[in-house]
N, C-alpha and C. Protein backbone atom coordinates (compact mmCIF):
# COMPACT_ATOMS: atom_id res chain seq x y z
N MET A 1 21.92 190.14 27.56
CA MET A 1 23.12 189.92 26.78
C MET A 1 23.02 188.59 26.05
N SER A 2 23.67 188.54 24.95
CA SER A 2 23.67 187.30 24.19
C SER A 2 24.62 186.29 24.81
N LEU A 3 24.44 185.04 24.44
CA LEU A 3 25.32 183.98 24.93
C LEU A 3 26.77 184.28 24.58
N LEU A 4 27.01 184.77 23.37
CA LEU A 4 28.37 185.09 22.94
C LEU A 4 28.98 186.18 23.82
N SER A 5 28.23 187.24 24.10
CA SER A 5 28.73 188.32 24.95
C SER A 5 29.06 187.80 26.34
N ASN A 6 28.18 186.96 26.88
CA ASN A 6 28.42 186.41 28.22
C ASN A 6 29.60 185.45 28.24
N THR A 7 29.88 184.82 27.11
CA THR A 7 30.95 183.83 27.05
C THR A 7 32.32 184.48 26.91
N VAL A 8 32.42 185.56 26.17
CA VAL A 8 33.74 186.15 25.90
C VAL A 8 34.00 187.45 26.65
N SER A 9 33.04 187.92 27.44
CA SER A 9 33.26 189.17 28.17
C SER A 9 34.30 188.97 29.27
N GLN A 10 34.88 190.06 29.72
CA GLN A 10 35.91 190.01 30.75
C GLN A 10 35.41 189.33 32.02
N GLY A 11 34.16 189.56 32.38
CA GLY A 11 33.61 188.97 33.59
C GLY A 11 33.39 187.47 33.50
N ALA A 12 33.57 186.89 32.32
CA ALA A 12 33.35 185.46 32.14
C ALA A 12 34.59 184.63 32.46
N PHE A 13 35.69 185.28 32.83
CA PHE A 13 36.95 184.59 33.08
C PHE A 13 37.39 184.77 34.52
N TRP A 14 38.15 183.80 35.00
CA TRP A 14 38.76 183.87 36.32
C TRP A 14 40.25 184.10 36.16
N MET A 15 40.83 184.88 37.05
CA MET A 15 42.27 185.07 37.07
C MET A 15 42.77 184.57 38.42
N VAL A 16 43.69 183.61 38.37
CA VAL A 16 44.23 183.01 39.59
C VAL A 16 45.74 183.04 39.53
N ASN A 17 46.35 183.47 40.61
CA ASN A 17 47.80 183.52 40.69
C ASN A 17 48.36 182.11 40.84
N LYS A 18 49.25 181.70 39.93
CA LYS A 18 49.79 180.34 39.95
C LYS A 18 50.64 180.08 41.20
N LYS A 19 51.43 181.07 41.61
CA LYS A 19 52.26 180.87 42.82
C LYS A 19 51.38 180.67 44.04
N LEU A 20 50.29 181.42 44.12
CA LEU A 20 49.37 181.28 45.24
C LEU A 20 48.72 179.90 45.22
N ALA A 21 48.31 179.44 44.04
CA ALA A 21 47.70 178.11 43.92
C ALA A 21 48.69 177.03 44.36
N ARG A 22 49.95 177.19 43.98
CA ARG A 22 50.96 176.21 44.40
C ARG A 22 51.16 176.27 45.91
N HIS A 23 51.23 177.47 46.46
CA HIS A 23 51.41 177.64 47.91
C HIS A 23 50.26 176.99 48.67
N LEU A 24 49.05 177.22 48.20
CA LEU A 24 47.86 176.67 48.86
C LEU A 24 47.64 175.20 48.52
N GLU A 25 48.39 174.73 47.52
CA GLU A 25 48.25 173.36 47.02
C GLU A 25 46.82 173.07 46.57
N SER A 26 46.20 174.10 46.01
CA SER A 26 44.80 173.95 45.57
C SER A 26 44.43 175.08 44.61
N ASN A 27 44.10 174.71 43.40
CA ASN A 27 43.60 175.71 42.46
C ASN A 27 42.28 176.29 42.93
N ASP A 28 41.42 175.44 43.50
CA ASP A 28 40.12 175.90 43.96
C ASP A 28 40.23 176.88 45.13
N ALA A 29 41.17 176.63 46.03
CA ALA A 29 41.36 177.57 47.15
C ALA A 29 41.85 178.91 46.63
N ALA A 30 42.76 178.89 45.67
CA ALA A 30 43.24 180.14 45.08
C ALA A 30 42.12 180.86 44.34
N LEU A 31 41.25 180.10 43.69
CA LEU A 31 40.11 180.69 42.99
C LEU A 31 39.14 181.33 43.98
N LEU A 32 38.86 180.64 45.07
CA LEU A 32 37.98 181.20 46.10
C LEU A 32 38.57 182.48 46.67
N LEU A 33 39.86 182.46 46.97
CA LEU A 33 40.50 183.66 47.52
C LEU A 33 40.45 184.81 46.52
N ALA A 34 40.71 184.53 45.26
CA ALA A 34 40.65 185.57 44.23
C ALA A 34 39.24 186.15 44.13
N ASP A 35 38.24 185.30 44.23
CA ASP A 35 36.85 185.76 44.17
C ASP A 35 36.52 186.64 45.37
N LEU A 36 36.95 186.23 46.55
CA LEU A 36 36.69 187.03 47.76
C LEU A 36 37.39 188.38 47.68
N ILE A 37 38.61 188.39 47.16
CA ILE A 37 39.33 189.66 46.99
C ILE A 37 38.58 190.56 46.00
N ALA A 38 38.10 190.00 44.90
CA ALA A 38 37.35 190.79 43.91
C ALA A 38 36.07 191.34 44.52
N ARG A 39 35.39 190.52 45.32
CA ARG A 39 34.16 190.99 45.97
C ARG A 39 34.48 192.13 46.94
N ARG A 40 35.56 192.00 47.70
CA ARG A 40 35.94 193.05 48.65
C ARG A 40 36.25 194.35 47.90
N GLU A 41 36.99 194.23 46.80
CA GLU A 41 37.31 195.42 46.00
C GLU A 41 36.04 196.08 45.46
N PHE A 42 35.06 195.27 45.06
CA PHE A 42 33.78 195.79 44.58
C PHE A 42 33.14 196.67 45.65
N PHE A 43 33.07 196.16 46.88
CA PHE A 43 32.45 196.91 47.97
C PHE A 43 33.32 198.11 48.37
N MET A 44 34.64 197.95 48.31
CA MET A 44 35.54 199.04 48.66
C MET A 44 35.37 200.21 47.69
N GLU A 45 35.27 199.91 46.40
CA GLU A 45 35.10 200.96 45.38
C GLU A 45 33.81 201.74 45.58
N ARG A 46 32.83 201.12 46.21
CA ARG A 46 31.54 201.76 46.45
C ARG A 46 31.42 202.28 47.88
N ASP A 47 32.56 202.28 48.59
CA ASP A 47 32.61 202.73 49.97
C ASP A 47 31.54 202.03 50.82
N SER A 48 31.44 200.70 50.62
CA SER A 48 30.40 199.92 51.29
C SER A 48 30.93 198.88 52.25
N LEU A 49 32.21 198.96 52.62
CA LEU A 49 32.74 198.02 53.61
C LEU A 49 32.24 198.43 54.98
N ASP A 50 32.11 197.45 55.87
CA ASP A 50 31.68 197.79 57.22
C ASP A 50 32.83 198.43 57.99
N SER A 51 32.62 198.78 59.24
CA SER A 51 33.62 199.52 60.02
C SER A 51 34.90 198.72 60.24
N GLU A 52 34.83 197.40 60.07
CA GLU A 52 36.03 196.56 60.23
C GLU A 52 36.64 196.17 58.88
N GLY A 53 36.14 196.74 57.79
CA GLY A 53 36.66 196.45 56.46
C GLY A 53 36.07 195.21 55.84
N GLY A 54 34.98 194.71 56.39
CA GLY A 54 34.35 193.51 55.88
C GLY A 54 33.19 193.80 54.95
N PHE A 55 32.64 192.75 54.38
CA PHE A 55 31.50 192.85 53.48
C PHE A 55 30.66 191.60 53.62
N PHE A 56 29.49 191.62 53.03
CA PHE A 56 28.56 190.50 53.10
C PHE A 56 28.41 189.88 51.72
N ALA A 57 28.51 188.55 51.68
CA ALA A 57 28.25 187.82 50.44
C ALA A 57 27.55 186.52 50.81
N LEU A 58 26.51 186.19 50.10
CA LEU A 58 25.80 184.94 50.34
C LEU A 58 26.66 183.75 49.90
N SER A 59 26.74 182.75 50.76
CA SER A 59 27.52 181.57 50.41
C SER A 59 26.98 180.91 49.14
N GLU A 60 25.66 180.95 48.97
CA GLU A 60 25.06 180.36 47.77
C GLU A 60 25.53 181.07 46.50
N SER A 61 25.70 182.39 46.59
CA SER A 61 26.17 183.17 45.45
C SER A 61 27.61 182.78 45.11
N ILE A 62 28.44 182.65 46.12
CA ILE A 62 29.83 182.24 45.90
C ILE A 62 29.88 180.85 45.28
N GLU A 63 29.10 179.94 45.82
CA GLU A 63 29.07 178.56 45.31
C GLU A 63 28.64 178.53 43.84
N GLU A 64 27.61 179.29 43.53
CA GLU A 64 27.11 179.32 42.15
C GLU A 64 28.13 179.94 41.20
N ASP A 65 28.71 181.08 41.61
CA ASP A 65 29.67 181.77 40.75
C ASP A 65 30.92 180.93 40.48
N LEU A 66 31.34 180.15 41.48
CA LEU A 66 32.58 179.39 41.35
C LEU A 66 32.34 177.92 41.03
N ASN A 67 31.07 177.54 40.87
CA ASN A 67 30.72 176.15 40.57
C ASN A 67 31.25 175.20 41.65
N LEU A 68 31.01 175.57 42.91
CA LEU A 68 31.44 174.77 44.05
C LEU A 68 30.22 174.22 44.77
N THR A 69 30.38 173.07 45.39
CA THR A 69 29.34 172.56 46.27
C THR A 69 29.49 173.25 47.62
N LYS A 70 28.45 173.17 48.43
CA LYS A 70 28.51 173.75 49.77
C LYS A 70 29.67 173.13 50.56
N GLU A 71 29.80 171.82 50.45
CA GLU A 71 30.84 171.11 51.20
C GLU A 71 32.24 171.53 50.76
N SER A 72 32.44 171.66 49.45
CA SER A 72 33.77 172.06 48.99
C SER A 72 34.08 173.50 49.36
N ARG A 73 33.06 174.39 49.30
CA ARG A 73 33.30 175.78 49.71
C ARG A 73 33.66 175.84 51.18
N GLN A 74 32.97 175.08 52.02
CA GLN A 74 33.29 175.06 53.45
C GLN A 74 34.70 174.54 53.69
N LYS A 75 35.07 173.49 53.00
CA LYS A 75 36.42 172.91 53.16
C LYS A 75 37.49 173.91 52.70
N LEU A 76 37.24 174.56 51.57
CA LEU A 76 38.20 175.53 51.05
C LEU A 76 38.32 176.74 51.97
N THR A 77 37.19 177.17 52.54
CA THR A 77 37.21 178.29 53.48
C THR A 77 38.06 177.95 54.70
N LYS A 78 37.88 176.76 55.23
CA LYS A 78 38.70 176.33 56.37
C LYS A 78 40.18 176.26 56.00
N HIS A 79 40.46 175.79 54.79
CA HIS A 79 41.84 175.72 54.32
C HIS A 79 42.45 177.13 54.25
N LEU A 80 41.71 178.08 53.69
CA LEU A 80 42.22 179.45 53.61
C LEU A 80 42.44 180.03 54.99
N GLU A 81 41.51 179.77 55.91
CA GLU A 81 41.67 180.25 57.28
C GLU A 81 42.91 179.65 57.93
N SER A 82 43.17 178.36 57.70
CA SER A 82 44.35 177.72 58.30
C SER A 82 45.65 178.28 57.72
N GLU A 83 45.56 178.86 56.52
CA GLU A 83 46.72 179.48 55.89
C GLU A 83 46.87 180.96 56.26
N GLY A 84 45.96 181.44 57.10
CA GLY A 84 46.06 182.82 57.57
C GLY A 84 45.28 183.84 56.76
N PHE A 85 44.40 183.39 55.89
CA PHE A 85 43.62 184.33 55.08
C PHE A 85 42.26 184.55 55.69
């Protein structure tokens, strides 16, 4: 794909719920949660969730896709867990 196609395609944008970001007090935490939900939906559509409804994603892939460092992803994951996600 061309740079232009990659820049303006639907997959080039993130959608984050503003109320959720305010609740979590973190745009990055809301972005991580939105990404995890999208990944789960991807596997669900392909009937590829495990028996407990989970899926596998490499932390490096998440970090690269969301432009996060390992440390920030770990911190955000703990934050989401503390919020019950």
